[in-house]
N, C-alpha and C. Protein backbone atom coordinates (compact mmCIF):
# COMPACT_ATOMS: atom_id res chain seq x y z
N MET A 1 -101.06 -8.56 -44.77
CA MET A 1 -99.82 -8.84 -44.08
C MET A 1 -99.09 -7.54 -43.74
N THR A 2 -99.11 -6.56 -44.66
CA THR A 2 -98.39 -5.31 -44.42
C THR A 2 -98.98 -4.58 -43.21
N GLN A 3 -100.30 -4.58 -43.08
CA GLN A 3 -100.90 -3.92 -41.92
C GLN A 3 -100.46 -4.59 -40.63
N TRP A 4 -100.37 -5.91 -40.62
CA TRP A 4 -99.93 -6.62 -39.42
C TRP A 4 -98.48 -6.25 -39.10
N ILE A 5 -97.64 -6.15 -40.12
CA ILE A 5 -96.24 -5.78 -39.90
C ILE A 5 -96.15 -4.38 -39.31
N VAL A 6 -96.96 -3.45 -39.83
CA VAL A 6 -96.96 -2.09 -39.29
C VAL A 6 -97.40 -2.11 -37.83
N LEU A 7 -98.44 -2.85 -37.51
CA LEU A 7 -98.88 -2.96 -36.12
C LEU A 7 -97.76 -3.52 -35.25
N ALA A 8 -97.07 -4.54 -35.75
CA ALA A 8 -95.97 -5.15 -34.97
C ALA A 8 -94.83 -4.16 -34.75
N LEU A 9 -94.48 -3.39 -35.77
CA LEU A 9 -93.40 -2.41 -35.64
C LEU A 9 -93.76 -1.31 -34.64
N ILE A 10 -95.01 -0.85 -34.70
CA ILE A 10 -95.46 0.17 -33.75
C ILE A 10 -95.43 -0.41 -32.34
N ASN A 11 -95.96 -1.59 -32.19
CA ASN A 11 -96.03 -2.24 -30.88
C ASN A 11 -94.64 -2.45 -30.28
N ALA A 12 -93.69 -2.84 -31.09
CA ALA A 12 -92.33 -3.12 -30.61
C ALA A 12 -91.54 -1.84 -30.33
N GLY A 13 -92.06 -0.72 -30.82
CA GLY A 13 -91.32 0.53 -30.66
C GLY A 13 -90.22 0.70 -31.69
N THR A 14 -90.16 -0.21 -32.64
CA THR A 14 -89.15 -0.16 -33.69
C THR A 14 -89.37 1.05 -34.59
N ALA A 15 -90.64 1.33 -34.86
CA ALA A 15 -90.99 2.47 -35.70
C ALA A 15 -92.31 3.03 -35.19
N SER A 16 -92.27 4.23 -34.67
CA SER A 16 -93.50 4.80 -34.12
C SER A 16 -93.91 6.09 -34.83
N THR A 17 -93.22 6.43 -35.92
CA THR A 17 -93.60 7.59 -36.71
C THR A 17 -93.85 7.15 -38.15
N PRO A 18 -94.69 7.88 -38.87
CA PRO A 18 -94.94 7.51 -40.27
C PRO A 18 -93.66 7.46 -41.11
N SER A 19 -92.75 8.41 -40.92
CA SER A 19 -91.54 8.42 -41.75
C SER A 19 -90.64 7.22 -41.43
N ARG A 20 -90.53 6.87 -40.18
CA ARG A 20 -89.71 5.71 -39.81
C ARG A 20 -90.33 4.41 -40.33
N LEU A 21 -91.65 4.31 -40.26
CA LEU A 21 -92.33 3.13 -40.82
C LEU A 21 -92.07 3.03 -42.32
N ALA A 22 -92.20 4.16 -43.02
CA ALA A 22 -91.96 4.16 -44.46
C ALA A 22 -90.55 3.70 -44.77
N ARG A 23 -89.57 4.21 -44.02
CA ARG A 23 -88.17 3.80 -44.24
C ARG A 23 -87.98 2.32 -43.95
N ASN A 24 -88.51 1.85 -42.84
CA ASN A 24 -88.32 0.45 -42.46
C ASN A 24 -88.94 -0.52 -43.45
N LEU A 25 -90.05 -0.12 -44.06
CA LEU A 25 -90.74 -1.02 -44.98
C LEU A 25 -90.45 -0.75 -46.45
N GLY A 26 -89.68 0.31 -46.72
CA GLY A 26 -89.37 0.63 -48.10
C GLY A 26 -90.56 1.18 -48.86
N HIS A 27 -91.51 1.79 -48.16
CA HIS A 27 -92.68 2.40 -48.79
C HIS A 27 -92.43 3.89 -48.95
N ASP A 28 -93.10 4.49 -49.92
CA ASP A 28 -93.03 5.95 -49.99
C ASP A 28 -93.98 6.52 -48.93
N THR A 29 -93.78 7.78 -48.58
CA THR A 29 -94.55 8.36 -47.48
C THR A 29 -96.03 8.46 -47.82
N GLY A 30 -96.38 8.64 -49.08
CA GLY A 30 -97.79 8.69 -49.47
C GLY A 30 -98.49 7.37 -49.21
N ALA A 31 -97.85 6.28 -49.63
CA ALA A 31 -98.43 4.95 -49.40
C ALA A 31 -98.54 4.66 -47.91
N MET A 32 -97.53 5.07 -47.14
CA MET A 32 -97.56 4.83 -45.71
C MET A 32 -98.66 5.65 -45.05
N SER A 33 -98.85 6.88 -45.50
CA SER A 33 -99.92 7.72 -44.95
C SER A 33 -101.29 7.08 -45.17
N ARG A 34 -101.50 6.53 -46.37
CA ARG A 34 -102.77 5.86 -46.66
C ARG A 34 -102.96 4.62 -45.79
N LEU A 35 -101.90 3.85 -45.60
CA LEU A 35 -101.99 2.65 -44.77
C LEU A 35 -102.29 3.04 -43.32
N ILE A 36 -101.62 4.07 -42.81
CA ILE A 36 -101.85 4.52 -41.44
C ILE A 36 -103.28 5.04 -41.29
N GLU A 37 -103.74 5.78 -42.28
CA GLU A 37 -105.12 6.30 -42.24
C GLU A 37 -106.11 5.14 -42.13
N CYS A 38 -105.85 4.07 -42.85
CA CYS A 38 -106.70 2.88 -42.79
C CYS A 38 -106.70 2.29 -41.38
N LEU A 39 -105.51 2.17 -40.78
CA LEU A 39 -105.41 1.62 -39.42
C LEU A 39 -106.13 2.51 -38.41
N VAL A 40 -105.99 3.82 -38.56
CA VAL A 40 -106.66 4.77 -37.66
C VAL A 40 -108.17 4.67 -37.84
N ASN A 41 -108.63 4.64 -39.08
CA ASN A 41 -110.07 4.55 -39.35
C ASN A 41 -110.68 3.26 -38.82
N ARG A 42 -109.89 2.19 -38.81
CA ARG A 42 -110.37 0.90 -38.28
C ARG A 42 -110.27 0.82 -36.76
N GLY A 43 -109.71 1.87 -36.15
CA GLY A 43 -109.60 1.91 -34.69
C GLY A 43 -108.45 1.07 -34.15
N LEU A 44 -107.47 0.77 -35.00
CA LEU A 44 -106.34 -0.07 -34.58
C LEU A 44 -105.14 0.74 -34.09
N ALA A 45 -105.07 2.00 -34.53
CA ALA A 45 -103.94 2.86 -34.15
C ALA A 45 -104.45 4.28 -33.91
N GLU A 46 -103.64 5.03 -33.17
CA GLU A 46 -103.94 6.43 -32.90
C GLU A 46 -102.72 7.26 -33.23
N ARG A 47 -102.97 8.49 -33.67
CA ARG A 47 -101.90 9.46 -33.89
C ARG A 47 -101.85 10.39 -32.68
N ARG A 48 -100.63 10.72 -32.27
CA ARG A 48 -100.45 11.68 -31.18
C ARG A 48 -99.25 12.54 -31.48
N PRO A 49 -99.30 13.83 -31.10
CA PRO A 49 -98.11 14.66 -31.27
C PRO A 49 -97.00 14.16 -30.34
N SER A 50 -95.78 14.17 -30.82
CA SER A 50 -94.64 13.78 -30.00
C SER A 50 -94.48 14.75 -28.84
N GLU A 51 -94.16 14.23 -27.68
CA GLU A 51 -93.91 15.10 -26.52
C GLU A 51 -92.60 15.86 -26.66
N SER A 52 -91.65 15.28 -27.39
CA SER A 52 -90.35 15.93 -27.52
C SER A 52 -90.27 16.88 -28.71
N ASP A 53 -91.13 16.66 -29.72
CA ASP A 53 -91.12 17.52 -30.91
C ASP A 53 -92.54 17.56 -31.47
N ARG A 54 -93.25 18.62 -31.21
CA ARG A 54 -94.65 18.73 -31.58
C ARG A 54 -94.89 18.66 -33.10
N ARG A 55 -93.83 18.81 -33.89
CA ARG A 55 -93.98 18.70 -35.35
C ARG A 55 -94.10 17.24 -35.78
N VAL A 56 -93.72 16.33 -34.91
CA VAL A 56 -93.69 14.90 -35.23
C VAL A 56 -94.94 14.22 -34.70
N THR A 57 -95.53 13.38 -35.53
CA THR A 57 -96.67 12.57 -35.12
C THR A 57 -96.19 11.18 -34.76
N GLU A 58 -96.55 10.74 -33.57
CA GLU A 58 -96.21 9.38 -33.15
C GLU A 58 -97.46 8.51 -33.20
N LEU A 59 -97.25 7.23 -33.41
CA LEU A 59 -98.34 6.28 -33.51
C LEU A 59 -98.32 5.32 -32.33
N THR A 60 -99.50 5.00 -31.85
CA THR A 60 -99.64 3.99 -30.80
C THR A 60 -100.77 3.06 -31.20
N LEU A 61 -100.75 1.87 -30.65
CA LEU A 61 -101.84 0.93 -30.91
C LEU A 61 -102.95 1.15 -29.89
N THR A 62 -104.16 0.99 -30.36
CA THR A 62 -105.31 0.99 -29.46
C THR A 62 -105.43 -0.42 -28.87
N ALA A 63 -106.35 -0.59 -27.94
CA ALA A 63 -106.59 -1.93 -27.38
C ALA A 63 -107.03 -2.88 -28.50
N GLU A 64 -107.83 -2.38 -29.42
CA GLU A 64 -108.26 -3.20 -30.55
C GLU A 64 -107.08 -3.55 -31.46
N GLY A 65 -106.16 -2.61 -31.63
CA GLY A 65 -104.95 -2.87 -32.41
C GLY A 65 -104.09 -3.94 -31.78
N GLN A 66 -103.96 -3.88 -30.46
CA GLN A 66 -103.22 -4.91 -29.72
C GLN A 66 -103.87 -6.28 -29.92
N ALA A 67 -105.18 -6.32 -29.79
CA ALA A 67 -105.90 -7.59 -29.95
C ALA A 67 -105.75 -8.13 -31.36
N THR A 68 -105.82 -7.26 -32.35
CA THR A 68 -105.66 -7.68 -33.75
C THR A 68 -104.26 -8.22 -33.98
N LEU A 69 -103.26 -7.51 -33.47
CA LEU A 69 -101.87 -7.95 -33.63
C LEU A 69 -101.68 -9.34 -33.06
N HIS A 70 -102.13 -9.54 -31.84
CA HIS A 70 -101.92 -10.84 -31.19
C HIS A 70 -102.83 -11.92 -31.76
N GLY A 71 -104.03 -11.54 -32.18
CA GLY A 71 -104.96 -12.51 -32.75
C GLY A 71 -104.53 -13.02 -34.12
N GLN A 72 -103.83 -12.19 -34.87
CA GLN A 72 -103.38 -12.58 -36.21
C GLN A 72 -102.01 -13.24 -36.22
N GLY A 73 -101.34 -13.24 -35.09
CA GLY A 73 -99.98 -13.80 -35.01
C GLY A 73 -99.88 -15.22 -35.52
N GLU A 74 -100.82 -16.05 -35.14
CA GLU A 74 -100.80 -17.46 -35.56
C GLU A 74 -100.95 -17.57 -37.08
N HIS A 75 -101.85 -16.78 -37.64
CA HIS A 75 -102.05 -16.78 -39.10
C HIS A 75 -100.76 -16.36 -39.82
N VAL A 76 -100.12 -15.32 -39.33
CA VAL A 76 -98.88 -14.83 -39.95
C VAL A 76 -97.79 -15.90 -39.86
N ARG A 77 -97.67 -16.54 -38.70
CA ARG A 77 -96.68 -17.62 -38.57
C ARG A 77 -96.95 -18.74 -39.56
N ASN A 78 -98.22 -19.09 -39.75
CA ASN A 78 -98.56 -20.16 -40.70
C ASN A 78 -98.23 -19.77 -42.13
N VAL A 79 -98.46 -18.52 -42.49
CA VAL A 79 -98.11 -18.05 -43.83
C VAL A 79 -96.61 -18.17 -44.05
N TRP A 80 -95.82 -17.73 -43.05
CA TRP A 80 -94.36 -17.82 -43.16
C TRP A 80 -93.90 -19.28 -43.23
N LYS A 81 -94.50 -20.14 -42.43
CA LYS A 81 -94.15 -21.57 -42.47
C LYS A 81 -94.38 -22.14 -43.86
N GLU A 82 -95.52 -21.81 -44.43
CA GLU A 82 -95.85 -22.30 -45.77
C GLU A 82 -94.87 -21.75 -46.81
N ALA A 83 -94.57 -20.47 -46.72
CA ALA A 83 -93.65 -19.86 -47.68
C ALA A 83 -92.26 -20.47 -47.58
N LEU A 84 -91.82 -20.76 -46.36
CA LEU A 84 -90.47 -21.30 -46.16
C LEU A 84 -90.39 -22.81 -46.33
N SER A 85 -91.54 -23.46 -46.48
CA SER A 85 -91.54 -24.92 -46.59
C SER A 85 -90.84 -25.41 -47.86
N ALA A 86 -90.66 -24.53 -48.83
CA ALA A 86 -89.97 -24.91 -50.07
C ALA A 86 -88.46 -24.99 -49.86
N LEU A 87 -87.97 -24.51 -48.73
CA LEU A 87 -86.54 -24.50 -48.45
C LEU A 87 -86.15 -25.61 -47.48
N GLU A 88 -84.92 -26.05 -47.59
CA GLU A 88 -84.37 -26.99 -46.61
C GLU A 88 -84.04 -26.23 -45.33
N PRO A 89 -84.01 -26.90 -44.19
CA PRO A 89 -83.70 -26.21 -42.93
C PRO A 89 -82.39 -25.40 -42.97
N GLU A 90 -81.38 -25.95 -43.66
CA GLU A 90 -80.11 -25.21 -43.76
C GLU A 90 -80.28 -23.93 -44.57
N GLU A 91 -81.14 -23.99 -45.59
CA GLU A 91 -81.39 -22.81 -46.41
C GLU A 91 -82.15 -21.75 -45.62
N VAL A 92 -83.08 -22.18 -44.79
CA VAL A 92 -83.82 -21.23 -43.94
C VAL A 92 -82.84 -20.54 -42.99
N ALA A 93 -81.93 -21.30 -42.41
CA ALA A 93 -80.93 -20.72 -41.50
C ALA A 93 -80.04 -19.74 -42.26
N GLN A 94 -79.63 -20.09 -43.47
CA GLN A 94 -78.79 -19.20 -44.27
C GLN A 94 -79.55 -17.93 -44.63
N LEU A 95 -80.82 -18.07 -45.01
CA LEU A 95 -81.65 -16.90 -45.33
C LEU A 95 -81.77 -15.98 -44.13
N ALA A 96 -82.03 -16.55 -42.97
CA ALA A 96 -82.16 -15.74 -41.75
C ALA A 96 -80.86 -15.00 -41.46
N SER A 97 -79.74 -15.68 -41.63
CA SER A 97 -78.44 -15.05 -41.40
C SER A 97 -78.19 -13.90 -42.37
N LEU A 98 -78.50 -14.13 -43.63
CA LEU A 98 -78.30 -13.08 -44.64
C LEU A 98 -79.23 -11.88 -44.39
N LEU A 99 -80.46 -12.16 -44.05
CA LEU A 99 -81.40 -11.07 -43.78
C LEU A 99 -80.98 -10.27 -42.55
N LEU A 100 -80.44 -10.94 -41.56
CA LEU A 100 -79.95 -10.25 -40.37
C LEU A 100 -78.79 -9.33 -40.73
N ARG A 101 -77.90 -9.79 -41.61
CA ARG A 101 -76.79 -8.94 -42.05
C ARG A 101 -77.29 -7.72 -42.81
N VAL A 102 -78.28 -7.92 -43.66
CA VAL A 102 -78.85 -6.80 -44.42
C VAL A 102 -79.54 -5.82 -43.45
N LEU A 103 -80.30 -6.34 -42.51
CA LEU A 103 -80.97 -5.49 -41.53
C LEU A 103 -79.96 -4.69 -40.72
N THR A 104 -78.88 -5.32 -40.30
CA THR A 104 -77.84 -4.63 -39.56
C THR A 104 -77.25 -3.51 -40.39
N ARG A 105 -77.04 -3.76 -41.67
CA ARG A 105 -76.50 -2.72 -42.54
C ARG A 105 -77.48 -1.56 -42.71
N PHE A 106 -78.77 -1.87 -42.86
CA PHE A 106 -79.78 -0.82 -42.94
C PHE A 106 -79.76 0.04 -41.68
N GLU A 107 -79.64 -0.60 -40.54
CA GLU A 107 -79.60 0.15 -39.28
C GLU A 107 -78.37 1.05 -39.21
N GLN A 108 -77.24 0.55 -39.72
CA GLN A 108 -76.03 1.37 -39.76
C GLN A 108 -76.23 2.58 -40.68
N LEU A 109 -76.84 2.35 -41.83
CA LEU A 109 -77.10 3.44 -42.78
C LEU A 109 -78.05 4.46 -42.19
N GLU A 110 -79.05 3.99 -41.49
CA GLU A 110 -79.99 4.89 -40.86
C GLU A 110 -79.30 5.74 -39.79
N GLY A 111 -78.39 5.14 -39.06
CA GLY A 111 -77.62 5.88 -38.06
C GLY A 111 -76.74 6.94 -38.70
N ASP A 112 -76.25 6.67 -39.91
CA ASP A 112 -75.45 7.65 -40.64
C ASP A 112 -76.26 8.87 -41.04
N ASP A 113 -77.57 8.67 -41.26
CA ASP A 113 -78.45 9.77 -41.68
C ASP A 113 -78.81 10.70 -40.54
N GLU A 114 -78.71 10.22 -39.33
CA GLU A 114 -79.15 11.03 -38.18
C GLU A 114 -78.07 11.90 -37.63
């Protein structure tokens, strides 16, 4: 599931560098480096130097990475449906609202760091 989330974040442009991915997922940079290495070795992602800052490595999905992301989408949705099936619809809505508030706060904190 974590690999799929990383592919989705790269694809969406939400996080295209190893450090941003690590921050977004709460992983340490070593764990994120190993996960990215796995994706690169499987041919799902590529590393490229940033055009704006050559010290920064940016990540992009390969065609195979795109296919994997979209092919696994249904499976991921089913896992989430199963996990959330223990909650009432109102509880799912409340959870989504709370998570959105937490995400918004994380984004504000990240903006403070820059």
